[in-house]
């Protein structure tokens, strides 16, 4: 899986990172907002709500890239999203942990 992802990342150009960056931002921070919203709607305990919010704020998964390659989807853009959303999730994790605490 990682070799296929690396091949797609090697073919990306700097100009093609704008759309994956925007979608990665929506994935990480939109997922956090959805997780917090669902947790408040379901009136979860603080630990369960925090767990749900953190899980929703995780980056795009590699199997998404494999499915895009298999079915002819935008695998290069998804490879960029995996790279960018992983960095965003890592950078924002201290803030997310502070929010759900």
PDB file of N, CA and C in Angstrom:
ATOM      1  N   UNK A   1       0.820  -1.188   0.000  1.00  0.00           N
ATOM      2  CA  UNK A   1       0.000   0.000   0.000  1.00  0.00           C
ATOM      3  C   UNK A   1       0.866   1.255   0.000  1.00  0.00           C
ATOM      4  N   UNK A   2       1.889   1.249   0.837  1.00  0.00           N
ATOM      5  CA  UNK A   2       2.730   2.438   0.922  1.00  0.00           C
ATOM      6  C   UNK A   2       3.538   2.663  -0.344  1.00  0.00           C
ATOM      7  N   UNK A   3       3.925   1.596  -1.026  1.00  0.00           N
ATOM      8  CA  UNK A   3       4.653   1.760  -2.287  1.00  0.00           C
ATOM      9  C   UNK A   3       3.770   2.390  -3.354  1.00  0.00           C
ATOM     10  N   UNK A   4       2.516   1.969  -3.428  1.00  0.00           N
ATOM     11  CA  UNK A   4       1.594   2.573  -4.386  1.00  0.00           C
ATOM     12  C   UNK A   4       1.342   4.037  -4.052  1.00  0.00           C
ATOM     13  N   UNK A   5       1.228   4.341  -2.771  1.00  0.00           N
ATOM     14  CA  UNK A   5       1.049   5.724  -2.346  1.00  0.00           C
ATOM     15  C   UNK A   5       2.272   6.552  -2.699  1.00  0.00           C
ATOM     16  N   UNK A   6       3.454   6.021  -2.468  1.00  0.00           N
ATOM     17  CA  UNK A   6       4.691   6.732  -2.794  1.00  0.00           C
ATOM     18  C   UNK A   6       4.817   7.024  -4.272  1.00  0.00           C
ATOM     19  N   UNK A   7       4.395   6.091  -5.102  1.00  0.00           N
ATOM     20  CA  UNK A   7       4.429   6.311  -6.548  1.00  0.00           C
ATOM     21  C   UNK A   7       3.519   7.465  -6.940  1.00  0.00           C
ATOM     22  N   UNK A   8       2.338   7.523  -6.375  1.00  0.00           N
ATOM     23  CA  UNK A   8       1.422   8.625  -6.682  1.00  0.00           C
ATOM     24  C   UNK A   8       1.946   9.948  -6.159  1.00  0.00           C
ATOM     25  N   UNK A   9       2.569   9.941  -4.993  1.00  0.00           N
ATOM     26  CA  UNK A   9       3.124  11.183  -4.447  1.00  0.00           C
ATOM     27  C   UNK A   9       4.293  11.683  -5.289  1.00  0.00           C
ATOM     28  N   UNK A  10       5.065  10.771  -5.859  1.00  0.00           N
ATOM     29  CA  UNK A  10       6.192  11.170  -6.688  1.00  0.00           C
ATOM     30  C   UNK A  10       5.738  11.868  -7.965  1.00  0.00           C
ATOM     31  N   UNK A  11       4.534  11.566  -8.429  1.00  0.00           N
ATOM     32  CA  UNK A  11       4.016  12.167  -9.655  1.00  0.00           C
ATOM     33  C   UNK A  11       3.302  13.497  -9.418  1.00  0.00           C
ATOM     34  N   UNK A  12       3.072  13.881  -8.168  1.00  0.00           N
ATOM     35  CA  UNK A  12       2.388  15.140  -7.867  1.00  0.00           C
ATOM     36  C   UNK A  12       3.313  16.328  -8.099  1.00  0.00           C
ATOM     37  N   UNK A  13       2.739  17.418  -8.492  1.00  0.00           N
ATOM     38  CA  UNK A  13       3.465  18.671  -8.661  1.00  0.00           C
ATOM     39  C   UNK A  13       2.965  19.665  -7.620  1.00  0.00           C
ATOM     40  N   UNK A  14       3.779  20.661  -7.322  1.00  0.00           N
ATOM     41  CA  UNK A  14       3.429  21.645  -6.291  1.00  0.00           C
ATOM     42  C   UNK A  14       2.105  22.344  -6.623  1.00  0.00           C
ATOM     43  N   UNK A  15       1.843  22.613  -7.883  1.00  0.00           N
ATOM     44  CA  UNK A  15       0.621  23.322  -8.256  1.00  0.00           C
ATOM     45  C   UNK A  15      -0.623  22.474  -8.037  1.00  0.00           C
ATOM     46  N   UNK A  16      -0.470  21.187  -7.914  1.00  0.00           N
ATOM     47  CA  UNK A  16      -1.638  20.323  -7.740  1.00  0.00           C
ATOM     48  C   UNK A  16      -1.960  20.057  -6.269  1.00  0.00           C
ATOM     49  N   UNK A  17      -1.385  20.815  -5.358  1.00  0.00           N
ATOM     50  CA  UNK A  17      -1.642  20.610  -3.931  1.00  0.00           C
ATOM     51  C   UNK A  17      -2.743  21.504  -3.375  1.00  0.00           C
ATOM     52  N   UNK A  18      -3.252  22.470  -4.145  1.00  0.00           N
ATOM     53  CA  UNK A  18      -4.249  23.396  -3.613  1.00  0.00           C
ATOM     54  C   UNK A  18      -5.565  22.690  -3.275  1.00  0.00           C
ATOM     55  N   UNK A  19      -6.100  21.923  -4.198  1.00  0.00           N
ATOM     56  CA  UNK A  19      -7.357  21.213  -3.961  1.00  0.00           C
ATOM     57  C   UNK A  19      -7.206  20.152  -2.875  1.00  0.00           C
ATOM     58  N   UNK A  20      -6.166  19.315  -2.891  1.00  0.00           N
ATOM     59  CA  UNK A  20      -5.999  18.357  -1.789  1.00  0.00           C
ATOM     60  C   UNK A  20      -5.840  19.036  -0.426  1.00  0.00           C
ATOM     61  N   UNK A  21      -5.191  20.216  -0.392  1.00  0.00           N
ATOM     62  CA  UNK A  21      -5.046  20.924   0.885  1.00  0.00           C
ATOM     63  C   UNK A  21      -6.406  21.376   1.405  1.00  0.00           C
ATOM     64  N   UNK A  22      -7.231  21.923   0.514  1.00  0.00           N
ATOM     65  CA  UNK A  22      -8.558  22.379   0.934  1.00  0.00           C
ATOM     66  C   UNK A  22      -9.393  21.210   1.451  1.00  0.00           C
ATOM     67  N   UNK A  23      -9.377  20.096   0.739  1.00  0.00           N
ATOM     68  CA  UNK A  23     -10.152  18.935   1.171  1.00  0.00           C
ATOM     69  C   UNK A  23      -9.591  18.318   2.449  1.00  0.00           C
ATOM     70  N   UNK A  24      -8.274  18.359   2.615  1.00  0.00           N
ATOM     71  CA  UNK A  24      -7.670  17.838   3.848  1.00  0.00           C
ATOM     72  C   UNK A  24      -8.070  18.682   5.042  1.00  0.00           C
ATOM     73  N   UNK A  25      -8.106  19.990   4.836  1.00  0.00           N
ATOM     74  CA  UNK A  25      -8.525  20.899   5.898  1.00  0.00           C
ATOM     75  C   UNK A  25      -9.969  20.593   6.314  1.00  0.00           C
ATOM     76  N   UNK A  26     -10.836  20.399   5.321  1.00  0.00           N
ATOM     77  CA  UNK A  26     -12.233  20.055   5.607  1.00  0.00           C
ATOM     78  C   UNK A  26     -12.313  18.704   6.312  1.00  0.00           C
ATOM     79  N   UNK A  27     -11.493  17.752   5.885  1.00  0.00           N
ATOM     80  CA  UNK A  27     -11.527  16.411   6.479  1.00  0.00           C
ATOM     81  C   UNK A  27     -11.158  16.454   7.957  1.00  0.00           C
ATOM     82  N   UNK A  28     -10.071  17.118   8.285  1.00  0.00           N
ATOM     83  CA  UNK A  28      -9.600  17.118   9.676  1.00  0.00           C
ATOM     84  C   UNK A  28     -10.485  17.990  10.558  1.00  0.00           C
ATOM     85  N   UNK A  29     -10.702  19.238  10.167  1.00  0.00           N
ATOM     86  CA  UNK A  29     -11.434  20.155  11.042  1.00  0.00           C
ATOM     87  C   UNK A  29     -12.947  20.001  10.912  1.00  0.00           C
ATOM     88  N   UNK A  30     -13.421  19.637   9.731  1.00  0.00           N
ATOM     89  CA  UNK A  30     -14.843  19.331   9.577  1.00  0.00           C
ATOM     90  C   UNK A  30     -15.208  18.063  10.319  1.00  0.00           C
ATOM     91  N   UNK A  31     -14.307  17.080  10.268  1.00  0.00           N
ATOM     92  CA  UNK A  31     -14.535  15.840  11.015  1.00  0.00           C
ATOM     93  C   UNK A  31     -14.588  16.094  12.508  1.00  0.00           C
ATOM     94  N   UNK A  32     -13.725  16.970  12.989  1.00  0.00           N
ATOM     95  CA  UNK A  32     -13.741  17.328  14.409  1.00  0.00           C
ATOM     96  C   UNK A  32     -15.064  17.981  14.778  1.00  0.00           C
ATOM     97  N   UNK A  33     -15.526  18.899  13.946  1.00  0.00           N
ATOM     98  CA  UNK A  33     -16.796  19.581  14.219  1.00  0.00           C
ATOM     99  C   UNK A  33     -17.964  18.594  14.211  1.00  0.00           C
ATOM    100  N   UNK A  34     -17.971  17.686  13.245  1.00  0.00           N
ATOM    101  CA  UNK A  34     -19.034  16.681  13.178  1.00  0.00           C
ATOM    102  C   UNK A  34     -18.981  15.770  14.401  1.00  0.00           C
ATOM    103  N   UNK A  35     -17.783  15.360  14.791  1.00  0.00           N
ATOM    104  CA  UNK A  35     -17.639  14.505  15.970  1.00  0.00           C
ATOM    105  C   UNK A  35     -18.136  15.175  17.237  1.00  0.00           C
ATOM    106  N   UNK A  36     -17.787  16.447  17.409  1.00  0.00           N
ATOM    107  CA  UNK A  36     -18.253  17.173  18.590  1.00  0.00           C
ATOM    108  C   UNK A  36     -19.764  17.376  18.544  1.00  0.00           C
ATOM    109  N   UNK A  37     -20.297  17.635  17.352  1.00  0.00           N
ATOM    110  CA  UNK A  37     -21.744  17.813  17.217  1.00  0.00           C
ATOM    111  C   UNK A  37     -22.523  16.548  17.520  1.00  0.00           C
ATOM    112  N   UNK A  38     -22.069  15.434  16.976  1.00  0.00           N
ATOM    113  CA  UNK A  38     -22.745  14.152  17.225  1.00  0.00           C
ATOM    114  C   UNK A  38     -22.642  13.780  18.699  1.00  0.00           C
ATOM    115  N   UNK A  39     -21.481  14.048  19.294  1.00  0.00           N
ATOM    116  CA  UNK A  39     -21.312  13.730  20.713  1.00  0.00           C
ATOM    117  C   UNK A  39     -22.267  14.540  21.580  1.00  0.00           C
ATOM    118  N   UNK A  40     -22.477  15.806  21.229  1.00  0.00           N
ATOM    119  CA  UNK A  40     -23.401  16.616  22.034  1.00  0.00           C
ATOM    120  C   UNK A  40     -24.857  16.211  21.775  1.00  0.00           C
ATOM    121  N   UNK A  41     -25.172  15.832  20.528  1.00  0.00           N
ATOM    122  CA  UNK A  41     -26.535  15.375  20.234  1.00  0.00           C
ATOM    123  C   UNK A  41     -26.870  14.079  20.972  1.00  0.00           C
ATOM    124  N   UNK A  42     -25.898  13.187  21.052  1.00  0.00           N
ATOM    125  CA  UNK A  42     -26.117  11.903  21.727  1.00  0.00           C
ATOM    126  C   UNK A  42     -25.890  11.980  23.229  1.00  0.00           C
ATOM    127  N   UNK A  43     -25.437  13.133  23.689  1.00  0.00           N
ATOM    128  CA  UNK A  43     -25.156  13.359  25.114  1.00  0.00           C
ATOM    129  C   UNK A  43     -24.224  12.288  25.682  1.00  0.00           C
ATOM    130  N   UNK A  44     -23.122  12.112  24.988  1.00  0.00           N
ATOM    131  CA  UNK A  44     -22.144  11.107  25.402  1.00  0.00           C
ATOM    132  C   UNK A  44     -21.387  11.578  26.632  1.00  0.00           C
ATOM    133  N   UNK A  45     -20.814  10.630  27.342  1.00  0.00           N
ATOM    134  CA  UNK A  45     -19.959  10.974  28.476  1.00  0.00           C
ATOM    135  C   UNK A  45     -18.731  11.696  27.940  1.00  0.00           C
ATOM    136  N   UNK A  46     -18.034  12.448  28.767  1.00  0.00           N
ATOM    137  CA  UNK A  46     -16.873  13.187  28.275  1.00  0.00           C
ATOM    138  C   UNK A  46     -15.803  12.306  27.620  1.00  0.00           C
ATOM    139  N   UNK A  47     -15.561  11.137  28.161  1.00  0.00           N
ATOM    140  CA  UNK A  47     -14.546  10.248  27.575  1.00  0.00           C
ATOM    141  C   UNK A  47     -15.012   9.736  26.215  1.00  0.00           C
ATOM    142  N   UNK A  48     -16.263   9.328  26.116  1.00  0.00           N
ATOM    143  CA  UNK A  48     -16.800   8.840  24.842  1.00  0.00           C
ATOM    144  C   UNK A  48     -16.855   9.966  23.810  1.00  0.00           C
ATOM    145  N   UNK A  49     -17.242  11.159  24.235  1.00  0.00           N
ATOM    146  CA  UNK A  49     -17.303  12.302  23.320  1.00  0.00           C
ATOM    147  C   UNK A  49     -15.916  12.670  22.812  1.00  0.00           C
ATOM    148  N   UNK A  50     -14.948  12.667  23.688  1.00  0.00           N
ATOM    149  CA  UNK A  50     -13.577  12.957  23.281  1.00  0.00           C
ATOM    150  C   UNK A  50     -13.034  11.918  22.319  1.00  0.00           C
ATOM    151  N   UNK A  51     -13.334  10.669  22.595  1.00  0.00           N
ATOM    152  CA  UNK A  51     -12.885   9.591  21.710  1.00  0.00           C
ATOM    153  C   UNK A  51     -13.505   9.728  20.329  1.00  0.00           C
ATOM    154  N   UNK A  52     -14.795  10.010  20.271  1.00  0.00           N
ATOM    155  CA  UNK A  52     -15.475  10.179  18.991  1.00  0.00           C
ATOM    156  C   UNK A  52     -14.908  11.367  18.224  1.00  0.00           C
ATOM    157  N   UNK A  53     -14.682  12.477  18.904  1.00  0.00           N
ATOM    158  CA  UNK A  53     -14.152  13.672  18.239  1.00  0.00           C
ATOM    159  C   UNK A  53     -12.748  13.433  17.702  1.00  0.00           C
ATOM    160  N   UNK A  54     -11.917  12.764  18.460  1.00  0.00           N
ATOM    161  CA  UNK A  54     -10.552  12.478  18.001  1.00  0.00           C
ATOM    162  C   UNK A  54     -10.579  11.531  16.805  1.00  0.00           C
ATOM    163  N   UNK A  55     -11.421  10.523  16.850  1.00  0.00           N
ATOM    164  CA  UNK A  55     -11.520   9.592  15.720  1.00  0.00           C
ATOM    165  C   UNK A  55     -12.012  10.302  14.463  1.00  0.00           C
ATOM    166  N   UNK A  56     -12.928  11.233  14.617  1.00  0.00           N
ATOM    167  CA  UNK A  56     -13.444  11.964  13.454  1.00  0.00           C
ATOM    168  C   UNK A  56     -12.426  12.951  12.890  1.00  0.00           C
ATOM    169  N   UNK A  57     -11.442  13.339  13.679  1.00  0.00           N
ATOM    170  CA  UNK A  57     -10.432  14.294  13.225  1.00  0.00           C
ATOM    171  C   UNK A  57      -9.187  13.620  12.657  1.00  0.00           C
ATOM    172  N   UNK A  58      -9.222  12.322  12.484  1.00  0.00           N
ATOM    173  CA  UNK A  58      -8.066  11.600  11.946  1.00  0.00           C
ATOM    174  C   UNK A  58      -7.913  11.830  10.440  1.00  0.00           C
ATOM    175  N   UNK A  59      -6.703  11.623   9.911  1.00  0.00           N
ATOM    176  CA  UNK A  59      -6.455  11.893   8.482  1.00  0.00           C
ATOM    177  C   UNK A  59      -7.092  10.854   7.555  1.00  0.00           C
ATOM    178  N   UNK A  60      -7.007  11.159   6.267  1.00  0.00           N
ATOM    179  CA  UNK A  60      -7.522  10.258   5.231  1.00  0.00           C
ATOM    180  C   UNK A  60      -6.721   8.959   5.274  1.00  0.00           C
ATOM    181  N   UNK A  61      -7.404   7.828   5.112  1.00  0.00           N
ATOM    182  CA  UNK A  61      -6.750   6.525   5.209  1.00  0.00           C
ATOM    183  C   UNK A  61      -6.203   6.066   3.857  1.00  0.00           C
ATOM    184  N   UNK A  62      -5.181   5.251   3.900  1.00  0.00           N
ATOM    185  CA  UNK A  62      -4.524   4.747   2.696  1.00  0.00           C
ATOM    186  C   UNK A  62      -5.430   3.852   1.853  1.00  0.00           C
ATOM    187  N   UNK A  63      -6.309   3.026   2.441  1.00  0.00           N
ATOM    188  CA  UNK A  63      -7.187   2.225   1.577  1.00  0.00           C
ATOM    189  C   UNK A  63      -8.053   3.058   0.626  1.00  0.00           C
ATOM    190  N   UNK A  64      -8.317   4.301   0.971  1.00  0.00           N
ATOM    191  CA  UNK A  64      -9.034   5.193   0.065  1.00  0.00           C
ATOM    192  C   UNK A  64      -8.263   5.355  -1.241  1.00  0.00           C
ATOM    193  N   UNK A  65      -6.950   5.469  -1.124  1.00  0.00           N
ATOM    194  CA  UNK A  65      -6.097   5.588  -2.308  1.00  0.00           C
ATOM    195  C   UNK A  65      -6.151   4.318  -3.148  1.00  0.00           C
ATOM    196  N   UNK A  66      -6.131   3.175  -2.498  1.00  0.00           N
ATOM    197  CA  UNK A  66      -6.195   1.907  -3.235  1.00  0.00           C
ATOM    198  C   UNK A  66      -7.517   1.756  -3.985  1.00  0.00           C
ATOM    199  N   UNK A  67      -8.607   2.140  -3.346  1.00  0.00           N
ATOM    200  CA  UNK A  67      -9.906   2.058  -4.011  1.00  0.00           C
ATOM    201  C   UNK A  67      -9.977   3.029  -5.191  1.00  0.00           C
ATOM    202  N   UNK A  68      -9.402   4.205  -5.042  1.00  0.00           N
ATOM    203  CA  UNK A  68      -9.396   5.166  -6.147  1.00  0.00           C
ATOM    204  C   UNK A  68      -8.580   4.633  -7.319  1.00  0.00           C
ATOM    205  N   UNK A  69      -7.468   3.981  -7.042  1.00  0.00           N
ATOM    206  CA  UNK A  69      -6.668   3.403  -8.124  1.00  0.00           C
ATOM    207  C   UNK A  69      -7.402   2.250  -8.803  1.00  0.00           C
ATOM    208  N   UNK A  70      -8.054   1.433  -8.013  1.00  0.00           N
ATOM    209  CA  UNK A  70      -8.737   0.265  -8.572  1.00  0.00           C
ATOM    210  C   UNK A  70      -9.913   0.666  -9.465  1.00  0.00           C
ATOM    211  N   UNK A  71     -10.648   1.688  -9.065  1.00  0.00           N
ATOM    212  CA  UNK A  71     -11.849   2.063  -9.799  1.00  0.00           C
ATOM    213  C   UNK A  71     -11.673   3.324 -10.650  1.00  0.00           C
ATOM    214  N   UNK A  72     -10.439   3.755 -10.864  1.00  0.00           N
ATOM    215  CA  UNK A  72     -10.175   4.874 -11.767  1.00  0.00           C
ATOM    216  C   UNK A  72     -10.513   6.239 -11.199  1.00  0.00           C
ATOM    217  N   UNK A  73     -10.432   6.395  -9.903  1.00  0.00           N
ATOM    218  CA  UNK A  73     -10.715   7.680  -9.266  1.00  0.00           C
ATOM    219  C   UNK A  73      -9.488   8.573  -9.265  1.00  0.00           C
ATOM    220  N   UNK A  74      -9.588   9.707  -8.623  1.00  0.00           N
ATOM    221  CA  UNK A  74      -8.477  10.673  -8.587  1.00  0.00           C
ATOM    222  C   UNK A  74      -7.405  10.264  -7.578  1.00  0.00           C
ATOM    223  N   UNK A  75      -6.652   9.233  -7.892  1.00  0.00           N
ATOM    224  CA  UNK A  75      -5.707   8.681  -6.921  1.00  0.00           C
ATOM    225  C   UNK A  75      -4.574   9.646  -6.591  1.00  0.00           C
ATOM    226  N   UNK A  76      -4.150  10.478  -7.521  1.00  0.00           N
ATOM    227  CA  UNK A  76      -3.071  11.434  -7.218  1.00  0.00           C
ATOM    228  C   UNK A  76      -3.533  12.468  -6.201  1.00  0.00           C
ATOM    229  N   UNK A  77      -4.741  12.972  -6.390  1.00  0.00           N
ATOM    230  CA  UNK A  77      -5.260  13.952  -5.438  1.00  0.00           C
ATOM    231  C   UNK A  77      -5.465  13.327  -4.064  1.00  0.00           C
ATOM    232  N   UNK A  78      -5.923  12.085  -4.033  1.00  0.00           N
ATOM    233  CA  UNK A  78      -6.119  11.400  -2.760  1.00  0.00           C
ATOM    234  C   UNK A  78      -4.776  11.150  -2.084  1.00  0.00           C
ATOM    235  N   UNK A  79      -3.747  10.854  -2.863  1.00  0.00           N
ATOM    236  CA  UNK A  79      -2.402  10.701  -2.287  1.00  0.00           C
ATOM    237  C   UNK A  79      -1.954  12.010  -1.642  1.00  0.00           C
ATOM    238  N   UNK A  80      -2.221  13.118  -2.301  1.00  0.00           N
ATOM    239  CA  UNK A  80      -1.902  14.420  -1.713  1.00  0.00           C
ATOM    240  C   UNK A  80      -2.695  14.678  -0.452  1.00  0.00           C
ATOM    241  N   UNK A  81      -3.970  14.274  -0.457  1.00  0.00           N
ATOM    242  CA  UNK A  81      -4.793  14.446   0.737  1.00  0.00           C
ATOM    243  C   UNK A  81      -4.271  13.621   1.902  1.00  0.00           C
ATOM    244  N   UNK A  82      -3.799  12.416   1.621  1.00  0.00           N
ATOM    245  CA  UNK A  82      -3.245  11.581   2.691  1.00  0.00           C
ATOM    246  C   UNK A  82      -2.029  12.260   3.307  1.00  0.00           C
ATOM    247  N   UNK A  83      -1.157  12.762   2.460  1.00  0.00           N
ATOM    248  CA  UNK A  83       0.051  13.435   2.937  1.00  0.00           C
ATOM    249  C   UNK A  83      -0.291  14.682   3.747  1.00  0.00           C
ATOM    250  N   UNK A  84      -1.134  15.525   3.204  1.00  0.00           N
ATOM    251  CA  UNK A  84      -1.456  16.798   3.853  1.00  0.00           C
ATOM    252  C   UNK A  84      -2.307  16.593   5.102  1.00  0.00           C
ATOM    253  N   UNK A  85      -3.313  15.718   5.027  1.00  0.00           N
ATOM    254  CA  UNK A  85      -4.179  15.529   6.192  1.00  0.00           C
ATOM    255  C   UNK A  85      -3.432  14.866   7.351  1.00  0.00           C
ATOM    256  N   UNK A  86      -2.438  14.050   7.044  1.00  0.00           N
ATOM    257  CA  UNK A  86      -1.631  13.468   8.118  1.00  0.00           C
ATOM    258  C   UNK A  86      -0.845  14.564   8.839  1.00  0.00           C
ATOM    259  N   UNK A  87      -0.260  15.469   8.079  1.00  0.00           N
ATOM    260  CA  UNK A  87       0.455  16.598   8.686  1.00  0.00           C
ATOM    261  C   UNK A  87      -0.469  17.502   9.475  1.00  0.00           C
ATOM    262  N   UNK A  88      -1.638  17.807   8.907  1.00  0.00           N
ATOM    263  CA  UNK A  88      -2.605  18.652   9.618  1.00  0.00           C
ATOM    264  C   UNK A  88      -3.082  17.994  10.908  1.00  0.00           C
ATOM    265  N   UNK A  89      -3.378  16.709  10.836  1.00  0.00           N
ATOM    266  CA  UNK A  89      -3.850  16.004  12.024  1.00  0.00           C
ATOM    267  C   UNK A  89      -2.774  15.977  13.107  1.00  0.00           C
ATOM    268  N   UNK A  90      -1.543  15.765  12.692  1.00  0.00           N
ATOM    269  CA  UNK A  90      -0.444  15.757  13.656  1.00  0.00           C
ATOM    270  C   UNK A  90      -0.253  17.123  14.294  1.00  0.00           C
ATOM    271  N   UNK A  91      -0.314  18.179  13.471  1.00  0.00           N
ATOM    272  CA  UNK A  91      -0.120  19.532  13.987  1.00  0.00           C
ATOM    273  C   UNK A  91      -1.283  19.981  14.871  1.00  0.00           C
ATOM    274  N   UNK A  92      -2.490  19.535  14.552  1.00  0.00           N
ATOM    275  CA  UNK A  92      -3.657  19.999  15.296  1.00  0.00           C
ATOM    276  C   UNK A  92      -4.015  19.100  16.475  1.00  0.00           C
ATOM    277  N   UNK A  93      -3.363  17.973  16.621  1.00  0.00           N
ATOM    278  CA  UNK A  93      -3.720  17.044  17.693  1.00  0.00           C
ATOM    279  C   UNK A  93      -3.617  17.657  19.094  1.00  0.00           C
ATOM    280  N   UNK A  94      -2.602  18.454  19.417  1.00  0.00           N
ATOM    281  CA  UNK A  94      -2.610  19.076  20.751  1.00  0.00           C
ATOM    282  C   UNK A  94      -3.816  19.972  20.995  1.00  0.00           C
ATOM    283  N   UNK A  95      -4.245  20.699  19.964  1.00  0.00           N
ATOM    284  CA  UNK A  95      -5.424  21.559  20.106  1.00  0.00           C
ATOM    285  C   UNK A  95      -6.682  20.717  20.255  1.00  0.00           C
ATOM    286  N   UNK A  96      -6.780  19.647  19.467  1.00  0.00           N
ATOM    287  CA  UNK A  96      -7.932  18.753  19.549  1.00  0.00           C
ATOM    288  C   UNK A  96      -8.004  18.116  20.924  1.00  0.00           C
ATOM    289  N   UNK A  97      -6.885  17.661  21.435  1.00  0.00           N
ATOM    290  CA  UNK A  97      -6.884  17.052  22.770  1.00  0.00           C
ATOM    291  C   UNK A  97      -7.278  18.060  23.842  1.00  0.00           C
ATOM    292  N   UNK A  98      -6.890  19.304  23.657  1.00  0.00           N
ATOM    293  CA  UNK A  98      -7.256  20.356  24.617  1.00  0.00           C
ATOM    294  C   UNK A  98      -8.765  20.646  24.545  1.00  0.00           C
ATOM    295  N   UNK A  99      -9.315  20.609  23.321  1.00  0.00           N
ATOM    296  CA  UNK A  99     -10.745  20.874  23.147  1.00  0.00           C
ATOM    297  C   UNK A  99     -11.618  19.801  23.784  1.00  0.00           C
ATOM    298  N   UNK A 100     -11.225  18.562  23.643  1.00  0.00           N
ATOM    299  CA  UNK A 100     -12.069  17.459  24.113  1.00  0.00           C
ATOM    300  C   UNK A 100     -11.830  17.101  25.569  1.00  0.00           C
ATOM    301  N   UNK A 101     -10.918  17.754  26.178  1.00  0.00           N
ATOM    302  CA  UNK A 101     -10.577  17.458  27.553  1.00  0.00           C
ATOM    303  C   UNK A 101     -11.577  17.939  28.540  1.00  0.00           C
TER     304      UNK A 101
END
